[in-house]
Amino acid sequence: MKLQPDFAPDTQMVSAYGPGYVEVNGVRHTTACVFAPQQAPRPWSVERASTLQSTHIETLLTEPLPELVLIGTGAHQHLLAPALMRQLIAQRIGWEVMDTAAACRTYNILAGEGRRVLAALIVE
């Protein structure tokens, strides 16, 4: 009996994470990145949660728009100013902010359910 989920071969899934890296489909990323189940990781020019600006959030709004954005803020969860999330709210996109490890785990669950989720992860 097969107990592992079936994913399309091109589905982007977090395969590992740890201090200083996130692996997506076996490819290690050591800087911030953004990806979705059907979008390969691309660089995200954020070094720390404290430097996050509305222009960084704006880069997440590419077609197809996600239904939910998970923002991983590094080793620790950092609360973000609600003003930063205005663009997501205006597009009726849900969002959650958590530490990057939790964002990786949550992303895999939601992507495995077929949800239109986008991960925006800060790697420290």
Protein backbone atom coordinates (compact mmCIF):
# COMPACT_ATOMS: atom_id res chain seq x y z
CA MET A 1 0.00 0.00 0.00
CA LYS A 2 1.41 3.35 -1.03
CA LEU A 3 1.13 5.96 1.75
CA GLN A 4 2.98 8.90 0.27
CA PRO A 5 1.04 11.65 -1.53
CA ASP A 6 1.08 11.98 -5.30
CA PHE A 7 2.39 15.31 -6.58
CA ALA A 8 2.94 16.45 -10.11
CA PRO A 9 6.66 16.12 -10.88
CA ASP A 10 7.06 19.88 -11.22
CA THR A 11 5.35 20.72 -7.91
CA GLN A 12 7.66 22.85 -5.76
CA MET A 13 7.89 21.35 -2.25
CA VAL A 14 10.21 22.12 0.66
CA SER A 15 12.48 19.11 0.94
CA ALA A 16 14.62 20.36 3.86
CA TYR A 17 15.36 23.44 5.94
CA GLY A 18 17.72 24.46 8.69
CA PRO A 19 19.84 27.35 9.93
CA GLY A 20 20.95 29.30 6.87
CA TYR A 21 19.11 27.35 4.18
CA VAL A 22 15.87 26.15 2.66
CA GLU A 23 15.79 23.36 0.09
CA VAL A 24 13.06 23.26 -2.54
CA ASN A 25 12.91 20.03 -4.53
CA GLY A 26 16.46 19.26 -3.40
CA VAL A 27 17.93 22.62 -4.47
CA ARG A 28 19.46 24.57 -1.57
CA HIS A 29 18.70 28.31 -1.20
CA THR A 30 20.78 30.34 1.25
CA THR A 31 19.07 33.68 0.70
CA ALA A 32 15.43 34.78 0.80
CA CYS A 33 13.23 33.26 -1.87
CA VAL A 34 9.65 33.13 -3.10
CA PHE A 35 7.91 30.12 -4.64
CA ALA A 36 4.55 28.47 -5.16
CA PRO A 37 3.55 24.92 -6.08
CA GLN A 38 3.76 25.70 -9.80
CA GLN A 39 6.37 28.51 -9.61
CA ALA A 40 10.06 27.73 -9.17
CA PRO A 41 11.89 29.62 -6.42
CA ARG A 42 13.07 33.10 -7.29
CA PRO A 43 15.20 35.46 -5.20
CA TRP A 44 13.47 37.84 -2.80
CA SER A 45 15.60 40.85 -1.86
CA VAL A 46 14.89 40.77 1.89
CA GLU A 47 17.69 40.13 4.38
CA ARG A 48 15.78 40.54 7.66
CA ALA A 49 12.17 40.98 8.72
CA SER A 50 13.06 44.43 10.10
CA THR A 51 13.92 45.62 6.57
CA LEU A 52 10.70 44.40 4.95
CA GLN A 53 8.96 47.18 2.99
CA SER A 54 5.79 47.46 0.94
CA THR A 55 7.83 47.12 -2.27
CA HIS A 56 8.87 43.64 -1.12
CA ILE A 57 5.22 42.70 -0.64
CA GLU A 58 4.38 44.15 -4.04
CA THR A 59 6.76 41.67 -5.71
CA LEU A 60 4.60 38.83 -4.36
CA LEU A 61 1.60 39.94 -6.42
CA THR A 62 2.34 38.13 -9.67
CA GLU A 63 -0.15 36.16 -11.72
CA PRO A 64 -1.63 33.81 -10.91
CA LEU A 65 -2.41 35.46 -7.59
CA PRO A 66 -2.24 33.15 -4.59
CA GLU A 67 -5.11 32.67 -2.19
CA LEU A 68 -2.68 32.71 0.74
CA VAL A 69 0.83 34.10 1.33
CA LEU A 70 3.04 32.60 4.03
CA ILE A 71 5.81 34.92 5.15
CA GLY A 72 8.67 33.22 6.96
CA THR A 73 10.54 35.83 8.99
CA GLY A 74 13.72 33.88 9.75
CA ALA A 75 14.69 32.04 12.92
CA HIS A 76 12.03 33.84 14.97
CA GLN A 77 8.55 35.10 14.27
CA HIS A 78 8.41 38.87 13.83
CA LEU A 79 5.12 40.68 13.74
CA LEU A 80 4.76 42.93 10.72
CA ALA A 81 3.04 46.29 10.55
CA PRO A 82 -0.49 45.92 9.18
CA ALA A 83 0.29 48.72 6.70
CA LEU A 84 2.71 46.35 4.96
CA MET A 85 -0.13 43.93 4.28
CA ARG A 86 -2.51 46.48 2.71
CA GLN A 87 -1.69 45.32 -0.82
CA LEU A 88 -2.57 41.73 0.05
CA ILE A 89 -5.75 42.79 1.82
CA ALA A 90 -6.79 44.94 -1.15
CA GLN A 91 -6.41 41.89 -3.43
CA ARG A 92 -8.35 39.71 -0.94
CA ILE A 93 -5.30 37.49 -0.39
CA GLY A 94 -4.92 35.84 3.00
CA TRP A 95 -1.58 36.02 4.77
CA GLU A 96 0.21 34.53 7.75
CA VAL A 97 3.51 35.52 9.32
CA MET A 98 5.57 32.92 11.18
CA ASP A 99 9.16 31.81 11.60
CA THR A 100 10.63 30.29 8.44
CA ALA A 101 10.65 26.70 9.75
CA ALA A 102 6.93 26.87 10.53
CA ALA A 103 6.27 28.49 7.15
CA CYS A 104 8.07 25.60 5.42
CA ARG A 105 5.96 23.00 7.21
CA THR A 106 2.71 24.89 6.65
CA TYR A 107 3.53 25.46 2.98
CA ASN A 108 4.04 21.72 2.37
CA ILE A 109 0.71 20.89 3.97
CA LEU A 110 -1.20 23.52 1.99
CA ALA A 111 0.58 22.76 -1.30
CA GLY A 112 -0.13 19.06 -0.73
CA GLU A 113 -3.82 19.92 -0.42
CA GLY A 114 -3.68 21.67 -3.79
CA ARG A 115 -4.08 25.16 -2.35
CA ARG A 116 -2.79 28.24 -4.21
CA VAL A 117 -0.21 29.11 -1.58
CA LEU A 118 2.88 31.28 -1.97
CA ALA A 119 5.89 31.02 0.34
CA ALA A 120 8.02 34.11 0.89
CA LEU A 121 10.89 32.98 3.11
CA ILE A 122 13.65 34.95 4.77
CA VAL A 123 16.70 32.74 5.31
CA GLU A 124 18.99 33.62 8.21
